[in-house]
Protein backbone atom coordinates (compact mmCIF):
# COMPACT_ATOMS: atom_id res chain seq x y z
CA MET A 1 0.08 0.08 -0.07
CA THR A 2 1.44 3.39 -0.89
CA ASP A 3 1.21 6.67 1.15
CA THR A 4 -1.45 8.04 -1.20
CA GLN A 5 -3.56 4.90 -0.86
CA LEU A 6 -3.30 5.19 2.91
CA TYR A 7 -4.14 8.95 2.99
CA LEU A 8 -7.25 8.22 0.75
CA ALA A 9 -8.23 5.25 2.83
CA ILE A 10 -8.32 7.36 6.03
CA GLY A 11 -8.84 10.58 4.61
CA LEU A 12 -11.82 10.03 2.33
CA PRO A 13 -13.87 8.47 5.01
CA VAL A 14 -13.24 11.49 7.37
CA LEU A 15 -14.17 14.12 4.84
CA LEU A 16 -17.47 12.05 3.85
CA ASN A 17 -18.29 11.79 7.56
CA GLY A 18 -17.60 15.52 8.17
CA THR A 19 -19.80 16.41 4.91
CA MET A 20 -22.71 14.32 6.17
CA LEU A 21 -22.44 15.85 9.54
CA MET A 22 -22.44 19.57 7.95
CA ILE A 23 -25.79 18.33 5.88
CA ALA A 24 -27.37 16.91 9.04
CA PHE A 25 -26.56 20.14 11.03
CA THR A 26 -27.85 22.44 8.35
CA ALA A 27 -31.01 20.36 7.98
CA LEU A 28 -31.49 20.53 11.67
CA ASN A 29 -31.05 24.21 11.81
CA THR A 30 -33.76 24.78 9.00
CA ARG A 31 -36.18 22.55 10.91
CA ILE A 32 -35.53 24.53 14.10
CA SER A 33 -35.86 27.82 12.26
CA ASP A 34 -39.19 26.69 10.67
CA LEU A 35 -40.45 25.53 14.22
CA ARG A 36 -39.32 28.82 15.77
CA ASP A 37 -41.32 30.64 12.98
CA THR A 38 -44.40 28.61 13.68
CA MET A 39 -44.40 28.98 17.22
CA ASN A 40 -44.01 32.95 16.88
CA ALA A 41 -47.07 32.97 14.56
CA ARG A 42 -48.96 30.90 17.14
CA LEU A 43 -48.01 33.09 19.97
CA ALA A 44 -49.03 36.24 18.14
CA SER A 45 -52.42 34.81 17.42
CA MET A 46 -52.84 33.88 21.11
CA GLU A 47 -51.86 37.35 21.90
CA THR A 48 -54.30 38.73 19.70
CA ARG A 49 -57.02 36.42 21.04
CA ILE A 50 -56.09 37.45 24.64
CA GLU A 51 -56.49 41.09 23.77
CA ILE A 52 -59.90 40.38 22.21
CA LEU A 53 -60.83 38.67 25.42
CA THR A 54 -59.61 41.22 27.70
CA GLY A 55 -61.55 43.93 25.69
CA LYS A 56 -64.68 41.98 26.14
CA VAL A 57 -64.32 41.47 29.64
CA ALA A 58 -63.61 45.36 30.23
CA GLU A 59 -66.88 45.74 28.13
CA LEU A 60 -68.78 43.39 30.60
CA THR A 61 -67.35 45.17 33.46
CA ASP A 62 -68.51 48.64 32.33
CA ARG A 63 -72.14 47.06 31.82
CA VAL A 64 -72.22 45.65 35.15
CA THR A 65 -71.08 48.99 36.72
CA ARG A 66 -73.68 50.83 34.91
CA LEU A 67 -76.34 48.45 35.90
CA GLU A 68 -75.12 48.76 39.59
CA GLU A 69 -75.50 52.48 39.38
CA ARG A 70 -78.79 52.18 37.91
CA TRP A 71 -79.80 50.00 40.63
CA GLU A 72 -78.47 52.11 43.31
CA ARG A 73 -80.31 55.23 41.96
CA ARG A 74 -83.70 53.34 42.11
CA PRO A 75 -86.01 54.65 44.91
C-alpha cells in the first residue's frame, strides 16, 4: 500500500463523515428555524385572542358597573 492509498483510505471517510455531519446540522437548523417561526406565529395569534378577550371582559365590567349604578339610583 502506498502513502497515497493510505491517505485516501483514512482521509476520504473522514471528509465524507464531516460533509454528512454538516448536511445534518444544516437540515436540523432549518427545521428549528421553521419551528421557531411557527411558534412565533401561534404566540402572536394567542396574544391577539387574549387582547380580544380582555376587551370583552372590560366591556362586561362597564355594563355591570352601569347596571349597579342604575340599581343604586332606584327609589
